[in-house]
Amino acid sequence: MTKKLQTPKFGPLSGMRVVFSAIEIAGPFSAQMFAEWGAEVIWIENTAYADTIRVQKNYPELSRRNLYALSMNIFKDEGREAFLKLIETADVFIESSKGPAFARRGITDEVMWERNPKLVIAHLSGFGQYGDDEYTNRAAYNTIAQAFSGYLIQNGDKDQPMAAFPYTADYICGFTVTSSVLAAIYNVQKTGKGESIDIAMYEAMLRVGQYYMIDYFNGGEICPRQVKGRDPIWAGCGLFNCKDGYVVTEVVGVNQMIEMFKTLGIEHLLGTEEIPEGTQLIARENRYAEEFEGGLEKFFAERNVEEALAALGEMKIAGAKVLEFTELEDNPQYIARESFTEWETLSGRKFKGPNVMPKFKNNPCKVWRPMPNQGMDTTDILSEIGYSEEQINELAEKKLVKIGEAPKKN
C-alpha cells in the first residue's frame, strides 16, 4: 500500500487510524479529539449531502480541524466495498445514527470484523442499538437526550426546568465515545479481538445526572432546582453579585466555614446543635442557612469582584470571577498555558479557537490541518487502499464518491 496521506507524527495516538461517519457534534467531537492527539482521522460524508455542521458560520473550522475528508455513499454495493477496504486499514470506526441503522443496511459488526477482526466499533445513538422499539429508532439531539435521561429536569431555576447549553449532552457523549474506545483498544492489544461499543446518549446523561437522582431512588427525595444560580442543596455555594460583576464561591471546609462565619459576624452560630464543631457544609434545610446566605449576599454586594476574590483568598475559600468572553484571551492563566491557538483555514484566513487539551508532556499535540472541503481527500484515500485513477473516476461518475479540491488561498 502506497501511503498517500501525509499525517505528521505527533501526540500519543500517532499511527492510529480512525474512520467516522457522523454529523453535527457528538460523534465528530470524539473523532476530533483523536485527531488532535495524533491519530489519522478520516471523516466520511454522504455524496448527496454534506454534514449539516457545514452550514454554520465558524464552529466547523474548530470542530473539523486535523481531519481528512472522504465523500462516499457507503450503503451502495460499490461504495460499501470501498468502505470495507478502508475499514481493513482502520483501528477504530465511529458512527452516529438512529439505533442499529448500519446493521439494517447491511453493514453489521460481523461484516466489518470479517475484514478487520481487531476493529473497535463505536455506535452512538440517542437510545442505543437495542431496547423498546418505540424508542430505539428515534432521532436524538442534545435536548432530547437531556430530557429523556432526567438530566434536564434537574437544571434551570425553581420555576422552570431548562436544558444545559451549549449542547452539553453532545459533548459529554463525545467524551464517552472517546474513553470507551480507548478502553476497547487497550483490550484489543491484549486479546487481538475487536469490540463493538453501544453508547446511548440518554444513558451517558443518566450517569452524569446521578448526583441528586440517587437520593430519589434511595429515599424518595426530589432535589429542588437552583435559586439565583446557586447549589440546590448546599448554602454558600454558587453565584453571587458584586458591585461590578459576578463571582462564584464554594464555602466548603471546617476552617473555611469558621473564617467566613467570623467575617460575617455570625460566629456565635458555630458549635450550636444546628452547626456543630467540624461542620464543613451548610445544608439549605438548616435553620440558619438563610441567615448565612443573606450574610454572603451582603458581603459580596459591598465589594467589587477584585476585593471579593482577595478576601476569599485570605480565607482560603475557593472563588472565581464569572468571566465574559472578552476577558478570556487576555487572562494571564490562559496566556501562560496557551489555552487559545491560531491556525490558517484553507482560504488563508487566520482563525482562533481553544487549543488542544489536555497537555501531554512527552507527546505534545497540535493543530496541523484546517477543516477540509467535502471530498477533498477522496482521491488520496481511495488511491491508498488500492483504487486506480480510472476506478475512482468511475465511482465518481456513478455518484458513489465525490471528489473535492482544496481552494486556492486568497
Protein backbone atom coordinates (compact mmCIF):
# COMPACT_ATOMS: atom_id res chain seq x y z
CA MET A 1 0.00 0.00 0.00
CA THR A 2 1.43 3.35 -1.05
CA LYS A 3 0.98 5.95 1.65
CA LYS A 4 -0.93 8.93 0.27
CA LEU A 5 -1.98 10.71 3.45
CA GLN A 6 0.93 12.65 4.88
CA THR A 7 -0.09 12.79 8.53
CA PRO A 8 2.71 14.19 10.71
CA LYS A 9 3.88 12.13 13.65
CA PHE A 10 2.90 13.71 16.96
CA GLY A 11 0.88 13.01 20.06
CA PRO A 12 0.23 9.77 21.98
CA LEU A 13 -2.01 8.30 19.24
CA SER A 14 0.38 8.68 16.33
CA GLY A 15 -0.05 5.71 13.98
CA MET A 16 -3.69 5.05 14.86
CA ARG A 17 -6.30 5.34 12.09
CA VAL A 18 -9.87 6.34 12.95
CA VAL A 19 -12.73 6.41 10.45
CA PHE A 20 -16.01 8.06 11.36
CA SER A 21 -19.43 8.60 9.84
CA ALA A 22 -21.35 11.07 11.97
CA ILE A 23 -22.75 14.58 11.71
CA GLU A 24 -23.06 17.65 13.91
CA ILE A 25 -21.34 17.44 17.32
CA ALA A 26 -21.29 14.30 19.50
CA GLY A 27 -19.58 11.68 17.30
CA PRO A 28 -17.35 14.17 15.47
CA PHE A 29 -16.24 15.71 18.78
CA SER A 30 -14.80 12.35 19.78
CA ALA A 31 -13.11 11.95 16.38
CA GLN A 32 -11.69 15.45 16.66
CA MET A 33 -10.05 14.57 19.98
CA PHE A 34 -8.40 11.54 18.38
CA ALA A 35 -7.15 13.73 15.52
CA GLU A 36 -5.76 16.34 17.91
CA TRP A 37 -3.98 13.62 19.87
CA GLY A 38 -2.13 12.42 16.77
CA ALA A 39 -4.40 9.84 15.15
CA GLU A 40 -5.07 9.86 11.41
CA VAL A 41 -8.81 10.54 11.21
CA ILE A 42 -10.97 10.16 8.09
CA TRP A 43 -14.34 11.89 8.02
CA ILE A 44 -16.93 10.23 5.78
CA GLU A 45 -19.70 12.41 4.36
CA ASN A 46 -22.51 11.25 2.12
CA THR A 47 -22.19 12.27 -1.53
CA ALA A 48 -25.79 13.50 -1.67
CA TYR A 49 -25.50 15.95 1.20
CA ALA A 50 -22.71 17.31 3.34
CA ASP A 51 -22.51 17.24 7.12
CA THR A 52 -25.08 19.75 8.38
CA ILE A 53 -22.35 21.33 10.51
CA ARG A 54 -21.01 22.98 7.33
CA VAL A 55 -23.88 25.49 7.23
CA GLN A 56 -22.70 27.09 10.46
CA LYS A 57 -20.53 30.18 10.38
CA ASN A 58 -17.43 29.49 12.50
CA TYR A 59 -17.82 26.30 14.52
CA PRO A 60 -16.92 23.88 11.68
CA GLU A 61 -13.41 25.33 11.42
CA LEU A 62 -12.84 24.39 15.05
CA SER A 63 -14.66 21.06 15.15
CA ARG A 64 -13.25 19.57 11.95
CA ARG A 65 -9.59 20.57 12.18
CA ASN A 66 -6.89 17.90 11.65
CA LEU A 67 -9.31 15.71 9.63
CA TYR A 68 -9.27 14.12 6.15
CA ALA A 69 -12.48 14.38 4.11
CA LEU A 70 -13.87 11.42 2.17
CA SER A 71 -17.23 11.79 0.43
CA MET A 72 -18.77 8.41 -0.36
CA ASN A 73 -22.09 6.55 -0.38
CA ILE A 74 -21.15 3.61 1.78
CA PHE A 75 -24.52 1.86 1.51
CA LYS A 76 -24.46 1.21 -2.25
CA ASP A 77 -22.70 -2.01 -3.37
CA GLU A 78 -19.52 -0.49 -4.83
CA GLY A 79 -19.44 2.20 -2.18
CA ARG A 80 -19.86 -0.42 0.55
CA GLU A 81 -16.94 -2.40 -0.87
CA ALA A 82 -14.73 0.69 -0.88
CA PHE A 83 -15.78 1.40 2.70
CA LEU A 84 -14.91 -2.13 3.79
CA LYS A 85 -11.50 -1.88 2.10
CA LEU A 86 -10.94 1.28 4.12
CA ILE A 87 -12.07 -0.49 7.30
CA GLU A 88 -9.33 -3.07 6.70
CA THR A 89 -6.81 -0.30 7.36
CA ALA A 90 -8.52 1.23 10.40
CA ASP A 91 -8.14 0.73 14.13
CA VAL A 92 -11.43 2.42 15.03
CA PHE A 93 -14.77 3.10 13.35
CA ILE A 94 -17.22 5.56 14.92
CA GLU A 95 -20.75 6.01 13.63
CA SER A 96 -23.71 8.01 14.85
CA SER A 97 -27.23 7.20 13.64
CA LYS A 98 -30.74 6.19 14.72
CA GLY A 99 -30.30 2.93 16.59
CA PRO A 100 -28.96 -0.02 14.55
CA ALA A 101 -29.17 1.87 11.25
CA PHE A 102 -25.88 0.46 9.91
CA ALA A 103 -26.90 -3.13 10.65
CA ARG A 104 -30.27 -2.62 8.97
CA ARG A 105 -28.46 -1.51 5.82
CA GLY A 106 -26.11 -4.47 5.73
CA ILE A 107 -23.04 -3.12 7.50
CA THR A 108 -23.06 -5.19 10.67
CA ASP A 109 -20.26 -5.56 13.19
CA GLU A 110 -19.66 -9.07 11.86
CA VAL A 111 -19.29 -7.83 8.29
CA MET A 112 -16.66 -5.33 9.41
CA TRP A 113 -14.89 -7.89 11.61
CA GLU A 114 -14.63 -10.28 8.66
CA ARG A 115 -12.40 -7.65 7.07
CA ASN A 116 -10.69 -6.49 10.25
CA PRO A 117 -11.00 -8.73 13.35
CA LYS A 118 -9.24 -6.19 15.56
CA LEU A 119 -11.51 -3.28 14.70
CA VAL A 120 -13.04 -1.25 17.54
CA ILE A 121 -16.53 -0.11 16.56
CA ALA A 122 -18.38 2.64 18.44
CA HIS A 123 -22.11 3.02 17.78
CA LEU A 124 -23.52 6.29 19.12
CA SER A 125 -27.27 6.83 19.12
CA GLY A 126 -29.92 8.50 21.21
CA PHE A 127 -31.43 5.37 22.71
CA GLY A 128 -28.99 2.54 21.96
CA GLN A 129 -28.69 -0.33 19.49
CA TYR A 130 -31.47 -2.37 21.12
CA GLY A 131 -34.40 -1.93 23.52
CA ASP A 132 -38.03 -0.97 23.17
CA ASP A 133 -38.91 -0.45 19.51
CA GLU A 134 -40.82 2.70 20.43
CA TYR A 135 -37.55 4.37 21.34
CA THR A 136 -34.61 2.59 19.69
CA ASN A 137 -35.08 4.04 16.22
CA ARG A 138 -35.89 7.59 17.29
CA ALA A 139 -33.76 10.55 16.35
CA ALA A 140 -31.99 12.33 19.19
CA TYR A 141 -30.12 15.54 19.77
CA ASN A 142 -28.73 17.33 22.79
CA THR A 143 -32.04 18.39 24.31
CA ILE A 144 -33.71 15.05 23.56
CA ALA A 145 -31.04 13.16 25.47
CA GLN A 146 -31.16 15.62 28.36
CA ALA A 147 -34.96 15.45 28.59
CA PHE A 148 -35.25 11.64 28.42
CA SER A 149 -32.42 10.99 30.89
CA GLY A 150 -33.71 13.02 33.83
CA TYR A 151 -30.84 15.47 33.42
CA LEU A 152 -32.84 18.39 32.05
CA ILE A 153 -35.44 18.32 34.83
CA GLN A 154 -32.66 19.00 37.35
CA ASN A 155 -31.45 22.15 35.60
CA GLY A 156 -32.87 25.63 35.30
CA ASP A 157 -34.44 27.55 38.17
CA LYS A 158 -37.16 26.73 40.68
CA ASP A 159 -39.91 27.93 38.33
CA GLN A 160 -38.91 26.13 35.13
CA PRO A 161 -36.53 23.38 34.02
CA MET A 162 -34.06 24.35 31.31
CA ALA A 163 -31.61 22.44 29.12
CA ALA A 164 -27.92 22.93 29.84
CA PHE A 165 -26.07 24.63 26.99
CA PRO A 166 -24.03 24.78 24.86
CA TYR A 167 -25.00 21.26 23.73
CA THR A 168 -23.93 19.59 26.95
CA ALA A 169 -25.21 16.13 26.06
CA ASP A 170 -23.33 16.13 22.75
CA TYR A 171 -20.01 16.92 24.39
CA ILE A 172 -20.49 14.51 27.28
CA CYS A 173 -21.39 11.75 24.81
CA GLY A 174 -18.33 12.64 22.73
CA PHE A 175 -16.14 12.17 25.79
CA THR A 176 -17.94 8.88 26.48
CA VAL A 177 -17.16 7.63 22.98
CA THR A 178 -13.50 8.60 23.33
CA SER A 179 -12.99 6.98 26.72
CA SER A 180 -14.80 3.75 25.81
CA VAL A 181 -12.89 3.42 22.53
CA LEU A 182 -9.56 3.79 24.34
CA ALA A 183 -10.64 1.13 26.86
CA ALA A 184 -11.53 -1.21 23.99
CA ILE A 185 -8.23 -0.56 22.20
CA TYR A 186 -6.36 -1.49 25.38
CA ASN A 187 -8.20 -4.82 25.44
CA VAL A 188 -7.63 -5.44 21.72
CA GLN A 189 -3.90 -5.07 22.31
CA LYS A 190 -4.11 -7.88 24.88
CA THR A 191 -6.54 -10.21 23.13
CA GLY A 192 -6.32 -9.41 19.40
CA LYS A 193 -10.13 -9.40 19.27
CA GLY A 194 -12.17 -6.36 18.26
CA GLU A 195 -15.01 -4.77 20.18
CA SER A 196 -18.37 -3.16 19.50
CA ILE A 197 -19.49 -0.40 21.87
CA ASP A 198 -23.13 0.64 22.23
CA ILE A 199 -23.30 4.23 23.52
CA ALA A 200 -26.81 5.54 24.18
CA MET A 201 -26.87 9.31 24.66
CA TYR A 202 -29.57 9.15 27.31
CA GLU A 203 -27.56 6.62 29.35
CA ALA A 204 -24.49 8.86 29.32
CA MET A 205 -26.63 11.73 30.58
CA LEU A 206 -28.33 9.46 33.11
CA ARG A 207 -24.88 8.72 34.52
CA VAL A 208 -23.74 12.33 34.79
CA GLY A 209 -27.12 13.28 36.29
CA GLN A 210 -26.74 10.77 39.10
CA TYR A 211 -25.67 13.08 41.95
CA TYR A 212 -29.13 14.31 43.01
CA MET A 213 -31.11 11.49 41.39
CA ILE A 214 -29.65 8.86 43.70
CA ASP A 215 -31.42 10.43 46.68
CA TYR A 216 -34.76 9.83 44.97
CA PHE A 217 -34.04 6.15 44.28
CA ASN A 218 -32.87 5.64 47.85
CA GLY A 219 -35.37 7.58 49.88
CA GLY A 220 -37.77 9.35 47.56
CA GLU A 221 -36.19 12.80 47.94
CA ILE A 222 -36.50 15.03 44.89
CA CYS A 223 -33.88 17.73 44.77
CA PRO A 224 -35.11 21.27 44.04
CA ARG A 225 -33.65 23.23 41.15
CA GLN A 226 -31.35 26.22 41.54
CA VAL A 227 -32.35 29.56 43.02
CA LYS A 228 -30.29 32.59 41.97
CA GLY A 229 -27.76 30.32 40.28
CA ARG A 230 -26.80 28.53 43.49
CA ASP A 231 -26.35 24.94 44.55
CA PRO A 232 -29.79 23.45 45.23
CA ILE A 233 -28.58 21.51 48.29
CA TRP A 234 -25.75 23.48 49.90
CA ALA A 235 -25.93 27.09 51.07
CA GLY A 236 -22.91 29.27 50.34
CA CYS A 237 -22.14 27.54 47.06
CA GLY A 238 -22.83 29.24 43.75
CA LEU A 239 -23.31 32.63 42.16
CA PHE A 240 -23.24 35.99 43.97
CA ASN A 241 -23.46 39.61 42.81
CA CYS A 242 -20.62 42.04 43.40
CA LYS A 243 -20.63 45.77 42.60
CA ASP A 244 -19.11 45.21 39.17
CA GLY A 245 -19.86 41.62 38.19
CA TYR A 246 -20.48 38.09 39.36
CA VAL A 247 -18.40 35.66 41.36
CA VAL A 248 -18.92 32.04 42.25
CA THR A 249 -17.73 30.60 45.51
CA GLU A 250 -17.80 27.31 47.38
CA VAL A 251 -17.71 27.80 51.15
CA VAL A 252 -16.62 24.27 51.96
CA GLY A 253 -14.34 23.00 54.72
CA VAL A 254 -14.10 23.33 58.50
CA ASN A 255 -11.57 26.18 58.57
CA GLN A 256 -13.26 27.94 55.66
CA MET A 257 -16.59 27.86 57.48
CA ILE A 258 -15.01 29.29 60.63
CA GLU A 259 -13.31 32.12 58.76
CA MET A 260 -16.40 33.08 56.77
CA PHE A 261 -18.70 32.97 59.80
CA LYS A 262 -16.29 35.26 61.64
CA THR A 263 -16.17 37.64 58.69
CA LEU A 264 -19.97 37.73 58.52
CA GLY A 265 -20.25 38.30 62.27
CA ILE A 266 -22.23 35.13 62.90
CA GLU A 267 -19.54 33.04 64.55
CA HIS A 268 -21.86 32.58 67.55
CA LEU A 269 -23.77 30.06 65.42
CA LEU A 270 -20.75 27.76 65.28
CA GLY A 271 -20.80 24.98 67.84
CA THR A 272 -24.57 25.05 68.17
CA GLU A 273 -26.76 22.00 67.74
CA GLU A 274 -27.57 23.04 64.16
CA ILE A 275 -23.95 23.83 63.25
CA PRO A 276 -21.77 21.60 65.46
CA GLU A 277 -17.99 21.76 65.54
CA GLY A 278 -16.45 20.19 62.46
CA THR A 279 -19.23 21.33 60.11
CA GLN A 280 -17.92 21.54 56.53
CA LEU A 281 -21.10 22.45 54.65
CA ILE A 282 -24.42 24.09 55.46
CA ALA A 283 -27.44 22.33 54.00
CA ARG A 284 -30.26 24.52 52.71
CA GLU A 285 -32.63 22.81 55.11
CA ASN A 286 -30.55 24.07 58.06
CA ARG A 287 -32.46 26.67 60.09
CA TYR A 288 -29.53 29.09 59.77
CA ALA A 289 -28.96 28.61 56.04
CA GLU A 290 -30.97 31.68 55.07
CA GLU A 291 -29.12 33.88 57.56
CA PHE A 292 -25.79 32.53 56.35
CA GLU A 293 -26.56 33.13 52.70
CA GLY A 294 -28.08 36.54 53.41
CA GLY A 295 -24.80 37.49 55.05
CA LEU A 296 -22.89 36.30 52.00
CA GLU A 297 -25.11 38.35 49.70
CA LYS A 298 -24.34 41.47 51.73
CA PHE A 299 -20.62 40.59 51.86
CA PHE A 300 -20.35 40.40 48.07
CA ALA A 301 -22.69 43.32 47.34
CA GLU A 302 -20.40 45.65 49.35
CA ARG A 303 -17.31 44.70 47.33
CA ASN A 304 -16.16 44.73 43.74
CA VAL A 305 -15.01 41.44 42.22
CA GLU A 306 -11.31 42.05 42.85
CA GLU A 307 -11.91 42.88 46.52
CA ALA A 308 -14.21 39.90 46.98
CA LEU A 309 -11.72 37.45 45.48
CA ALA A 310 -8.90 38.89 47.58
CA ALA A 311 -10.97 38.39 50.73
CA LEU A 312 -11.86 34.83 49.74
CA GLY A 313 -8.20 34.12 49.04
CA GLU A 314 -7.20 35.28 52.54
CA MET A 315 -9.78 32.88 53.98
CA LYS A 316 -8.60 30.10 51.64
CA ILE A 317 -12.10 29.82 50.20
CA ALA A 318 -12.47 28.84 46.54
CA GLY A 319 -13.82 31.57 44.29
CA ALA A 320 -13.66 32.83 40.74
CA LYS A 321 -14.94 35.71 38.68
CA VAL A 322 -17.57 34.81 36.10
CA LEU A 323 -15.58 35.75 33.02
CA GLU A 324 -17.03 37.30 29.90
CA PHE A 325 -15.73 36.07 26.52
CA THR A 326 -13.93 39.40 26.20
CA GLU A 327 -11.85 38.59 29.28
CA LEU A 328 -10.65 35.12 28.33
CA GLU A 329 -7.80 35.57 25.87
CA ASP A 330 -6.06 38.30 27.90
CA ASN A 331 -6.28 36.40 31.17
CA PRO A 332 -2.73 35.60 32.39
CA GLN A 333 -3.58 31.95 33.06
CA TYR A 334 -4.92 31.50 29.53
CA ILE A 335 -1.80 33.16 28.15
CA ALA A 336 0.61 31.14 30.29
CA ARG A 337 -0.97 27.83 29.30
CA GLU A 338 -1.64 28.82 25.68
CA SER A 339 -5.29 27.89 26.11
CA PHE A 340 -6.10 29.51 22.77
CA THR A 341 -4.32 28.95 19.48
CA GLU A 342 -4.48 30.20 15.90
CA TRP A 343 -4.33 28.36 12.61
CA GLU A 344 -4.96 29.12 8.97
CA THR A 345 -8.09 27.99 7.11
CA LEU A 346 -7.97 26.61 3.57
CA SER A 347 -8.79 30.09 2.26
CA GLY A 348 -5.88 31.60 4.16
CA ARG A 349 -7.98 33.21 6.89
CA LYS A 350 -6.49 33.42 10.37
CA PHE A 351 -8.70 31.51 12.77
CA LYS A 352 -8.63 31.45 16.58
CA GLY A 353 -10.07 28.85 18.92
CA PRO A 354 -9.41 26.71 22.00
CA ASN A 355 -6.12 24.85 21.92
CA VAL A 356 -5.77 21.08 22.16
CA MET A 357 -6.39 19.72 25.62
CA PRO A 358 -5.24 18.08 27.80
CA LYS A 359 -1.50 18.73 27.78
CA PHE A 360 0.61 15.65 27.02
CA LYS A 361 4.10 16.31 28.41
CA ASN A 362 6.09 13.70 26.49
CA ASN A 363 3.93 13.54 23.36
CA PRO A 364 2.64 17.07 22.73
CA CYS A 365 -0.31 17.55 20.42
CA LYS A 366 -1.06 20.23 17.87
CA VAL A 367 -3.39 21.67 15.26
CA TRP A 368 -1.78 20.97 11.90
CA ARG A 369 -4.60 20.96 9.34
CA PRO A 370 -7.68 23.14 8.77
CA MET A 371 -11.17 21.82 8.11
CA PRO A 372 -11.15 20.16 4.65
CA ASN A 373 -13.75 20.74 1.96
CA GLN A 374 -16.23 17.94 1.25
CA GLY A 375 -14.48 15.11 -0.57
CA MET A 376 -11.17 16.97 -0.66
CA ASP A 377 -9.19 13.83 0.20
CA THR A 378 -11.35 11.25 -1.59
CA THR A 379 -8.82 10.56 -4.33
CA ASP A 380 -5.85 10.15 -1.98
CA ILE A 381 -7.75 7.88 0.41
CA LEU A 382 -9.10 5.60 -2.31
CA SER A 383 -5.71 5.52 -4.05
CA GLU A 384 -4.09 4.44 -0.81
CA ILE A 385 -6.43 1.44 -0.42
CA GLY A 386 -5.76 0.25 -3.96
CA TYR A 387 -8.12 2.08 -6.33
CA SER A 388 -6.76 3.28 -9.65
CA GLU A 389 -7.49 6.72 -11.09
CA GLU A 390 -9.82 5.08 -13.61
CA GLN A 391 -11.74 3.25 -10.88
CA ILE A 392 -12.06 6.39 -8.80
CA ASN A 393 -13.39 8.36 -11.77
CA GLU A 394 -15.87 5.57 -12.46
CA LEU A 395 -17.14 5.71 -8.89
CA ALA A 396 -17.44 9.49 -9.20
CA GLU A 397 -19.45 9.16 -12.43
CA LYS A 398 -21.86 6.83 -10.63
CA LYS A 399 -22.08 9.42 -7.82
CA LEU A 400 -20.83 6.87 -5.32
CA VAL A 401 -17.97 9.18 -4.39
CA LYS A 402 -17.49 12.92 -4.59
CA ILE A 403 -14.11 14.41 -5.43
CA GLY A 404 -13.47 17.84 -3.96
CA GLU A 405 -10.49 20.15 -4.28
CA ALA A 406 -8.76 22.48 -1.92
CA PRO A 407 -9.50 26.10 -2.85
CA LYS A 408 -6.75 28.47 -3.76
CA LYS A 409 -5.84 30.87 -0.96
CA ASN A 410 -6.90 34.46 -1.29
